[in-house]
Amino acid sequence: MAFSADEISVDAFLGGRLFIRQPKTGYRAATDPVLLAAACPALPNESVLDLGCGVGTAGLCLARRVEVALTGLEVQVDYAALARKNALENGIAMDVVEGNLADMPAELRARNFDHVITNPPFFSRGTKSEDAGRALARQEAVGLPVWIDSALRRLKPKGWLTLILTIDRLPEVIVSLQDRAGSLKIKPLSARAGRPAGRFLLCARKGGRAPTTLHNPLILHEGSEHEGDFDSYTKEARAILRDAQVIDF
């Protein structure tokens, strides 16, 4: 069922360079898709698949920074419709395909891409949200190894997979990539200085053989704790989230 007008908000991303329609309740894009887009090493005119694209935020953030041939795959029909609308309203060409990554639509099985970007569901277990859209986005219905396998199958040789996940899933990601992708670049993400990383960004090259590199963490917020409802991003984080800067691995 499509969202009604009063169920949708229009939110600015990249300092107003992009405006995204998304549901007011359920899963809502925030910083993660912007960080994901900033970590993708895509060059002009390369092809990109946003796997599980939702309303299109990550792919559209990437396409606003660098001109790419953008495709999205989304299982939820109402989210896919919003992704198409967001692309159109932002003047960005994006082919949105509806389907399940575990049973890839034929039109995507016939294609390969220079890059796959993805923000898989963070949680493998726990109580599911009552909102169906949030539940599918946050808690996996398809196991992470299947998710990564689907991404790698869509990559060209030497293509790059870029993903963002919670730090507890890192061992599972590395095992799933073994013997298929290498040249790993890992960027921990910490909410504040002195705190353990809660999430990570990872770039992996299909067939890559370069050594794995663990980079300095990106610290997102100034100060030791949340002190009020205001923008407390660090200078580096603000440049990424507001000014469309790339993430320096």
C-alpha atoms as a PDB file:
ATOM      1  CA  MET A   1       0.000   0.000   0.000  1.00  0.00           C
ATOM      2  CA  ALA A   2       1.363   3.411  -0.966  1.00  0.00           C
ATOM      3  CA  PHE A   3       2.051   6.009   1.692  1.00  0.00           C
ATOM      4  CA  SER A   4      -0.399   8.896   1.916  1.00  0.00           C
ATOM      5  CA  ALA A   5       0.836  12.484   1.772  1.00  0.00           C
ATOM      6  CA  ASP A   6       0.410  13.028   5.507  1.00  0.00           C
ATOM      7  CA  GLU A   7       2.541   9.940   6.243  1.00  0.00           C
ATOM      8  CA  ILE A   8       5.568  11.392   4.437  1.00  0.00           C
ATOM      9  CA  SER A   9       8.178  13.949   5.458  1.00  0.00           C
ATOM     10  CA  VAL A  10      10.628  15.689   3.144  1.00  0.00           C
ATOM     11  CA  ASP A  11      14.095  15.837   4.680  1.00  0.00           C
ATOM     12  CA  ALA A  12      17.266  17.608   3.584  1.00  0.00           C
ATOM     13  CA  PHE A  13      20.509  15.706   3.151  1.00  0.00           C
ATOM     14  CA  LEU A  14      24.005  16.887   2.242  1.00  0.00           C
ATOM     15  CA  GLY A  15      23.300  20.389   3.464  1.00  0.00           C
ATOM     16  CA  GLY A  16      20.236  20.767   1.242  1.00  0.00           C
ATOM     17  CA  ARG A  17      21.843  19.357  -1.906  1.00  0.00           C
ATOM     18  CA  LEU A  18      19.323  16.533  -1.768  1.00  0.00           C
ATOM     19  CA  PHE A  19      15.731  16.265  -0.517  1.00  0.00           C
ATOM     20  CA  ILE A  20      14.334  12.865   0.395  1.00  0.00           C
ATOM     21  CA  ARG A  21      10.720  11.844   0.896  1.00  0.00           C
ATOM     22  CA  GLN A  22      10.427   9.141   3.555  1.00  0.00           C
ATOM     23  CA  PRO A  23       7.842   7.775   5.984  1.00  0.00           C
ATOM     24  CA  LYS A  24       7.338   9.721   9.198  1.00  0.00           C
ATOM     25  CA  THR A  25       7.142   6.440  11.110  1.00  0.00           C
ATOM     26  CA  GLY A  26       8.994   3.170  10.588  1.00  0.00           C
ATOM     27  CA  TYR A  27      12.496   3.096   9.126  1.00  0.00           C
ATOM     28  CA  ARG A  28      13.908   6.563   8.471  1.00  0.00           C
ATOM     29  CA  ALA A  29      17.227   7.315   6.818  1.00  0.00           C
ATOM     30  CA  ALA A  30      19.642   9.336   8.941  1.00  0.00           C
ATOM     31  CA  THR A  31      23.451   9.398   8.854  1.00  0.00           C
ATOM     32  CA  ASP A  32      24.204   5.805   7.818  1.00  0.00           C
ATOM     33  CA  PRO A  33      23.281   6.048   4.112  1.00  0.00           C
ATOM     34  CA  VAL A  34      25.205   9.317   3.827  1.00  0.00           C
ATOM     35  CA  LEU A  35      28.303   7.724   5.359  1.00  0.00           C
ATOM     36  CA  LEU A  36      27.882   4.694   3.107  1.00  0.00           C
ATOM     37  CA  ALA A  37      27.744   6.884   0.006  1.00  0.00           C
ATOM     38  CA  ALA A  38      30.781   8.865   1.138  1.00  0.00           C
ATOM     39  CA  ALA A  39      32.824   5.661   1.531  1.00  0.00           C
ATOM     40  CA  CYS A  40      32.099   4.289  -1.954  1.00  0.00           C
ATOM     41  CA  PRO A  41      35.108   4.827  -4.279  1.00  0.00           C
ATOM     42  CA  ALA A  42      32.993   5.235  -7.422  1.00  0.00           C
ATOM     43  CA  LEU A  43      34.382   7.221 -10.348  1.00  0.00           C
ATOM     44  CA  PRO A  44      32.352   9.152 -12.953  1.00  0.00           C
ATOM     45  CA  ASN A  45      30.283   6.981 -15.311  1.00  0.00           C
ATOM     46  CA  GLU A  46      30.812   3.787 -13.315  1.00  0.00           C
ATOM     47  CA  SER A  47      27.803   1.584 -12.530  1.00  0.00           C
ATOM     48  CA  VAL A  48      26.454   1.264  -8.984  1.00  0.00           C
ATOM     49  CA  LEU A  49      23.868  -1.066  -7.459  1.00  0.00           C
ATOM     50  CA  ASP A  50      22.271   0.042  -4.181  1.00  0.00           C
ATOM     51  CA  LEU A  51      21.236  -3.309  -2.699  1.00  0.00           C
ATOM     52  CA  GLY A  52      18.183  -2.870  -0.475  1.00  0.00           C
ATOM     53  CA  CYS A  53      17.909   0.777  -1.450  1.00  0.00           C
ATOM     54  CA  GLY A  54      14.875   1.733   0.648  1.00  0.00           C
ATOM     55  CA  VAL A  55      13.776   5.206  -0.424  1.00  0.00           C
ATOM     56  CA  GLY A  56      17.056   5.634  -2.323  1.00  0.00           C
ATOM     57  CA  THR A  57      19.007   7.809   0.104  1.00  0.00           C
ATOM     58  CA  ALA A  58      22.461   6.190  -0.142  1.00  0.00           C
ATOM     59  CA  GLY A  59      22.504   5.863  -3.914  1.00  0.00           C
ATOM     60  CA  LEU A  60      21.159   9.370  -4.430  1.00  0.00           C
ATOM     61  CA  CYS A  61      23.736  10.835  -2.027  1.00  0.00           C
ATOM     62  CA  LEU A  62      26.456   9.098  -4.034  1.00  0.00           C
ATOM     63  CA  ALA A  63      25.013  10.258  -7.362  1.00  0.00           C
ATOM     64  CA  ARG A  64      24.824  13.828  -6.092  1.00  0.00           C
ATOM     65  CA  ARG A  65      28.582  13.707  -5.420  1.00  0.00           C
ATOM     66  CA  VAL A  66      29.692  11.847  -8.561  1.00  0.00           C
ATOM     67  CA  GLU A  67      27.808  11.108 -11.782  1.00  0.00           C
ATOM     68  CA  VAL A  68      27.215   7.340 -11.901  1.00  0.00           C
ATOM     69  CA  ALA A  69      24.840   4.900 -13.585  1.00  0.00           C
ATOM     70  CA  LEU A  70      22.634   4.125 -10.588  1.00  0.00           C
ATOM     71  CA  THR A  71      20.366   1.128  -9.973  1.00  0.00           C
ATOM     72  CA  GLY A  72      18.516   0.181  -6.800  1.00  0.00           C
ATOM     73  CA  LEU A  73      16.925  -3.070  -5.630  1.00  0.00           C
ATOM     74  CA  GLU A  74      14.144  -2.866  -3.044  1.00  0.00           C
ATOM     75  CA  VAL A  75      11.764  -5.568  -1.821  1.00  0.00           C
ATOM     76  CA  GLN A  76       9.109  -3.217  -0.387  1.00  0.00           C
ATOM     77  CA  VAL A  77       6.919  -1.813  -3.140  1.00  0.00           C
ATOM     78  CA  ASP A  78       5.979   1.383  -1.302  1.00  0.00           C
ATOM     79  CA  TYR A  79       9.621   2.187  -0.504  1.00  0.00           C
ATOM     80  CA  ALA A  80      10.629   1.475  -4.106  1.00  0.00           C
ATOM     81  CA  ALA A  81       7.965   3.917  -5.291  1.00  0.00           C
ATOM     82  CA  LEU A  82       9.393   6.599  -3.007  1.00  0.00           C
ATOM     83  CA  ALA A  83      12.903   5.889  -4.309  1.00  0.00           C
ATOM     84  CA  ARG A  84      11.707   6.518  -7.869  1.00  0.00           C
ATOM     85  CA  LYS A  85       9.979   9.717  -6.803  1.00  0.00           C
ATOM     86  CA  ASN A  86      13.036  10.912  -4.893  1.00  0.00           C
ATOM     87  CA  ALA A  87      15.265  10.299  -7.895  1.00  0.00           C
ATOM     88  CA  LEU A  88      12.895  12.143 -10.206  1.00  0.00           C
ATOM     89  CA  GLU A  89      12.434  15.134  -7.908  1.00  0.00           C
ATOM     90  CA  ASN A  90      16.190  15.466  -7.373  1.00  0.00           C
ATOM     91  CA  GLY A  91      16.938  15.224 -11.094  1.00  0.00           C
ATOM     92  CA  ILE A  92      18.977  12.021 -10.774  1.00  0.00           C
ATOM     93  CA  ALA A  93      18.569   9.034 -13.079  1.00  0.00           C
ATOM     94  CA  MET A  94      17.961   5.875 -11.023  1.00  0.00           C
ATOM     95  CA  ASP A  95      16.565   2.536 -12.163  1.00  0.00           C
ATOM     96  CA  VAL A  96      14.662   1.032  -9.210  1.00  0.00           C
ATOM     97  CA  VAL A  97      13.918  -2.678  -9.439  1.00  0.00           C
ATOM     98  CA  GLU A  98      11.448  -4.369  -7.104  1.00  0.00           C
ATOM     99  CA  GLY A  99      12.472  -7.767  -5.798  1.00  0.00           C
ATOM    100  CA  ASN A 100      14.136  -9.922  -3.170  1.00  0.00           C
ATOM    101  CA  LEU A 101      17.924 -10.130  -3.168  1.00  0.00           C
ATOM    102  CA  ALA A 102      17.732 -13.838  -2.252  1.00  0.00           C
ATOM    103  CA  ASP A 103      15.728 -14.438  -5.444  1.00  0.00           C
ATOM    104  CA  MET A 104      17.270 -11.791  -7.657  1.00  0.00           C
ATOM    105  CA  PRO A 105      15.057 -10.504 -10.491  1.00  0.00           C
ATOM    106  CA  ALA A 106      16.189 -11.768 -13.882  1.00  0.00           C
ATOM    107  CA  GLU A 107      16.916  -8.263 -15.147  1.00  0.00           C
ATOM    108  CA  LEU A 108      19.549  -7.862 -12.405  1.00  0.00           C
ATOM    109  CA  ARG A 109      20.933 -11.404 -12.643  1.00  0.00           C
ATOM    110  CA  ALA A 110      21.900 -10.529 -16.208  1.00  0.00           C
ATOM    111  CA  ARG A 111      23.899  -7.488 -15.133  1.00  0.00           C
ATOM    112  CA  ASN A 112      27.141  -6.757 -13.282  1.00  0.00           C
ATOM    113  CA  PHE A 113      28.255  -3.527 -11.670  1.00  0.00           C
ATOM    114  CA  ASP A 114      31.458  -1.669 -10.835  1.00  0.00           C
ATOM    115  CA  HIS A 115      30.165  -1.068  -7.304  1.00  0.00           C
ATOM    116  CA  VAL A 116      27.593  -2.475  -4.922  1.00  0.00           C
ATOM    117  CA  ILE A 117      26.680  -0.412  -1.874  1.00  0.00           C
ATOM    118  CA  THR A 118      24.500  -1.767   0.894  1.00  0.00           C
ATOM    119  CA  ASN A 119      23.262  -1.105   4.411  1.00  0.00           C
ATOM    120  CA  PRO A 120      22.075  -4.576   5.503  1.00  0.00           C
ATOM    121  CA  PRO A 121      19.706  -4.942   8.457  1.00  0.00           C
ATOM    122  CA  PHE A 122      21.756  -4.473  11.624  1.00  0.00           C
ATOM    123  CA  PHE A 123      20.090  -7.107  13.792  1.00  0.00           C
ATOM    124  CA  SER A 124      19.978 -10.883  13.331  1.00  0.00           C
ATOM    125  CA  ARG A 125      17.680 -11.505  16.283  1.00  0.00           C
ATOM    126  CA  GLY A 126      15.475  -9.803  18.863  1.00  0.00           C
ATOM    127  CA  THR A 127      11.955  -8.416  18.995  1.00  0.00           C
ATOM    128  CA  LYS A 128      10.779  -7.136  15.637  1.00  0.00           C
ATOM    129  CA  SER A 129       9.269  -3.693  15.212  1.00  0.00           C
ATOM    130  CA  GLU A 130       5.505  -3.583  14.760  1.00  0.00           C
ATOM    131  CA  ASP A 131       6.094  -1.402  11.697  1.00  0.00           C
ATOM    132  CA  ALA A 132       6.749  -3.722   8.750  1.00  0.00           C
ATOM    133  CA  GLY A 133       9.029  -1.294   6.930  1.00  0.00           C
ATOM    134  CA  ARG A 134      11.200  -0.700   9.971  1.00  0.00           C
ATOM    135  CA  ALA A 135      11.280  -4.418  10.782  1.00  0.00           C
ATOM    136  CA  LEU A 136      12.552  -5.361   7.312  1.00  0.00           C
ATOM    137  CA  ALA A 137      15.117  -2.564   7.300  1.00  0.00           C
ATOM    138  CA  ARG A 138      16.471  -3.191  10.801  1.00  0.00           C
ATOM    139  CA  GLN A 139      16.160  -6.949  11.399  1.00  0.00           C
ATOM    140  CA  GLU A 140      17.262  -9.420   8.780  1.00  0.00           C
ATOM    141  CA  ALA A 141      14.861 -11.761   7.044  1.00  0.00           C
ATOM    142  CA  VAL A 142      17.755 -12.957   4.873  1.00  0.00           C
ATOM    143  CA  GLY A 143      21.005 -14.005   6.558  1.00  0.00           C
ATOM    144  CA  LEU A 144      24.052 -11.790   6.191  1.00  0.00           C
ATOM    145  CA  PRO A 145      26.053 -14.434   4.233  1.00  0.00           C
ATOM    146  CA  VAL A 146      23.248 -14.550   1.639  1.00  0.00           C
ATOM    147  CA  TRP A 147      23.174 -10.751   1.542  1.00  0.00           C
ATOM    148  CA  ILE A 148      26.928 -10.578   0.878  1.00  0.00           C
ATOM    149  CA  ASP A 149      26.804 -13.447  -1.622  1.00  0.00           C
ATOM    150  CA  SER A 150      24.114 -11.598  -3.580  1.00  0.00           C
ATOM    151  CA  ALA A 151      26.249  -8.443  -3.599  1.00  0.00           C
ATOM    152  CA  LEU A 152      29.390 -10.242  -4.784  1.00  0.00           C
ATOM    153  CA  ARG A 153      27.518 -12.028  -7.570  1.00  0.00           C
ATOM    154  CA  ARG A 154      26.463  -8.679  -8.993  1.00  0.00           C
ATOM    155  CA  LEU A 155      29.989  -7.240  -9.000  1.00  0.00           C
ATOM    156  CA  LYS A 156      32.312  -7.217 -11.965  1.00  0.00           C
ATOM    157  CA  PRO A 157      35.776  -8.713 -11.407  1.00  0.00           C
ATOM    158  CA  LYS A 158      37.766  -6.202  -9.317  1.00  0.00           C
ATOM    159  CA  GLY A 159      34.548  -4.362  -8.476  1.00  0.00           C
ATOM    160  CA  TRP A 160      34.055  -2.858  -5.015  1.00  0.00           C
ATOM    161  CA  LEU A 161      31.533  -3.767  -2.318  1.00  0.00           C
ATOM    162  CA  THR A 162      30.942  -1.015   0.245  1.00  0.00           C
ATOM    163  CA  LEU A 163      28.798  -1.625   3.327  1.00  0.00           C
ATOM    164  CA  ILE A 164      27.976  -0.283   6.781  1.00  0.00           C
ATOM    165  CA  LEU A 165      27.070  -2.447   9.778  1.00  0.00           C
ATOM    166  CA  THR A 166      27.323  -2.691  13.557  1.00  0.00           C
ATOM    167  CA  ILE A 167      30.734  -3.688  14.815  1.00  0.00           C
ATOM    168  CA  ASP A 168      29.540  -7.035  16.204  1.00  0.00           C
ATOM    169  CA  ARG A 169      28.842  -8.228  12.639  1.00  0.00           C
ATOM    170  CA  LEU A 170      32.423  -7.620  11.439  1.00  0.00           C
ATOM    171  CA  PRO A 171      33.649 -11.220  11.990  1.00  0.00           C
ATOM    172  CA  GLU A 172      30.645 -12.568  10.068  1.00  0.00           C
ATOM    173  CA  VAL A 173      31.332 -10.173   7.186  1.00  0.00           C
ATOM    174  CA  ILE A 174      34.993 -11.185   6.972  1.00  0.00           C
ATOM    175  CA  VAL A 175      34.114 -14.891   6.931  1.00  0.00           C
ATOM    176  CA  SER A 176      31.489 -14.295   4.227  1.00  0.00           C
ATOM    177  CA  LEU A 177      34.040 -12.485   2.053  1.00  0.00           C
ATOM    178  CA  GLN A 178      36.784 -15.096   2.460  1.00  0.00           C
ATOM    179  CA  ASP A 179      38.359 -16.333  -0.795  1.00  0.00           C
ATOM    180  CA  ARG A 180      35.983 -14.151  -2.839  1.00  0.00           C
ATOM    181  CA  ALA A 181      36.899 -10.560  -2.009  1.00  0.00           C
ATOM    182  CA  GLY A 182      39.939  -8.955  -0.431  1.00  0.00           C
ATOM    183  CA  SER A 183      41.895  -5.692  -0.267  1.00  0.00           C
ATOM    184  CA  LEU A 184      39.646  -4.888   2.700  1.00  0.00           C
ATOM    185  CA  LYS A 185      39.542  -1.330   4.012  1.00  0.00           C
ATOM    186  CA  ILE A 186      37.795  -0.998   7.377  1.00  0.00           C
ATOM    187  CA  LYS A 187      36.797   2.309   8.971  1.00  0.00           C
ATOM    188  CA  PRO A 188      35.401   2.156  12.537  1.00  0.00           C
ATOM    189  CA  LEU A 189      32.727   4.711  13.423  1.00  0.00           C
ATOM    190  CA  SER A 190      32.622   6.055  16.984  1.00  0.00           C
ATOM    191  CA  ALA A 191      29.919   8.297  18.364  1.00  0.00           C
ATOM    192  CA  ARG A 192      32.454  10.210  20.492  1.00  0.00           C
ATOM    193  CA  ALA A 193      36.174  10.225  21.222  1.00  0.00           C
ATOM    194  CA  GLY A 194      37.192   7.601  23.745  1.00  0.00           C
ATOM    195  CA  ARG A 195      34.174   5.397  23.094  1.00  0.00           C
ATOM    196  CA  PRO A 196      34.300   1.993  21.402  1.00  0.00           C
ATOM    197  CA  ALA A 197      33.250   1.940  17.767  1.00  0.00           C
ATOM    198  CA  GLY A 198      29.605   0.993  17.374  1.00  0.00           C
ATOM    199  CA  ARG A 199      29.579   0.619  13.586  1.00  0.00           C
ATOM    200  CA  PHE A 200      32.033   0.236  10.751  1.00  0.00           C
ATOM    201  CA  LEU A 201      32.373   0.951   7.053  1.00  0.00           C
ATOM    202  CA  LEU A 202      34.034  -1.665   4.874  1.00  0.00           C
ATOM    203  CA  CYS A 203      35.221  -1.663   1.270  1.00  0.00           C
ATOM    204  CA  ALA A 204      36.155  -5.005  -0.279  1.00  0.00           C
ATOM    205  CA  ARG A 205      37.370  -5.698  -3.806  1.00  0.00           C
ATOM    206  CA  LYS A 206      36.115  -8.766  -5.651  1.00  0.00           C
ATOM    207  CA  GLY A 207      39.177 -10.891  -6.261  1.00  0.00           C
ATOM    208  CA  GLY A 208      41.377  -8.369  -4.433  1.00  0.00           C
ATOM    209  CA  ARG A 209      44.641  -9.582  -2.908  1.00  0.00           C
ATOM    210  CA  ALA A 210      46.030  -6.496  -1.177  1.00  0.00           C
ATOM    211  CA  PRO A 211      46.474  -6.640   2.622  1.00  0.00           C
ATOM    212  CA  THR A 212      43.565  -5.687   4.863  1.00  0.00           C
ATOM    213  CA  THR A 213      43.896  -2.193   6.351  1.00  0.00           C
ATOM    214  CA  LEU A 214      42.227  -0.992   9.556  1.00  0.00           C
ATOM    215  CA  HIS A 215      41.986   2.792   9.468  1.00  0.00           C
ATOM    216  CA  ASN A 216      41.631   5.454  12.111  1.00  0.00           C
ATOM    217  CA  PRO A 217      38.061   5.780  13.399  1.00  0.00           C
ATOM    218  CA  LEU A 218      35.742   8.509  12.256  1.00  0.00           C
ATOM    219  CA  ILE A 219      34.544  10.368  15.360  1.00  0.00           C
ATOM    220  CA  LEU A 220      31.045  11.679  14.714  1.00  0.00           C
ATOM    221  CA  HIS A 221      30.319  14.024  17.645  1.00  0.00           C
ATOM    222  CA  GLU A 222      32.198  16.553  19.731  1.00  0.00           C
ATOM    223  CA  GLY A 223      32.284  16.272  23.521  1.00  0.00           C
ATOM    224  CA  SER A 224      32.060  13.332  25.874  1.00  0.00           C
ATOM    225  CA  GLU A 225      28.259  13.067  25.958  1.00  0.00           C
ATOM    226  CA  HIS A 226      25.043  14.340  24.406  1.00  0.00           C
ATOM    227  CA  GLU A 227      24.310  17.758  25.940  1.00  0.00           C
ATOM    228  CA  GLY A 228      21.297  19.024  24.005  1.00  0.00           C
ATOM    229  CA  ASP A 229      19.257  18.994  20.842  1.00  0.00           C
ATOM    230  CA  PHE A 230      21.772  20.676  18.546  1.00  0.00           C
ATOM    231  CA  ASP A 231      24.308  19.789  15.854  1.00  0.00           C
ATOM    232  CA  SER A 232      27.405  18.499  17.653  1.00  0.00           C
ATOM    233  CA  TYR A 233      29.155  16.896  14.689  1.00  0.00           C
ATOM    234  CA  THR A 234      32.923  17.043  14.482  1.00  0.00           C
ATOM    235  CA  LYS A 235      34.475  19.077  11.700  1.00  0.00           C
ATOM    236  CA  GLU A 236      35.301  15.903   9.738  1.00  0.00           C
ATOM    237  CA  ALA A 237      31.816  14.423  10.173  1.00  0.00           C
ATOM    238  CA  ARG A 238      30.129  17.700   9.221  1.00  0.00           C
ATOM    239  CA  ALA A 239      32.152  17.906   6.005  1.00  0.00           C
ATOM    240  CA  ILE A 240      30.886  14.431   5.059  1.00  0.00           C
ATOM    241  CA  LEU A 241      27.271  14.814   6.170  1.00  0.00           C
ATOM    242  CA  ARG A 242      26.705  18.424   5.135  1.00  0.00           C
ATOM    243  CA  ASP A 243      29.253  19.167   2.387  1.00  0.00           C
ATOM    244  CA  ALA A 244      29.317  15.837   0.489  1.00  0.00           C
ATOM    245  CA  GLN A 245      32.994  15.166   1.198  1.00  0.00           C
ATOM    246  CA  VAL A 246      34.365  11.664   0.684  1.00  0.00           C
ATOM    247  CA  ILE A 247      35.495   9.564   3.629  1.00  0.00           C
ATOM    248  CA  ASP A 248      39.257   9.445   3.856  1.00  0.00           C
ATOM    249  CA  PHE A 249      40.234   5.847   4.443  1.00  0.00           C
END
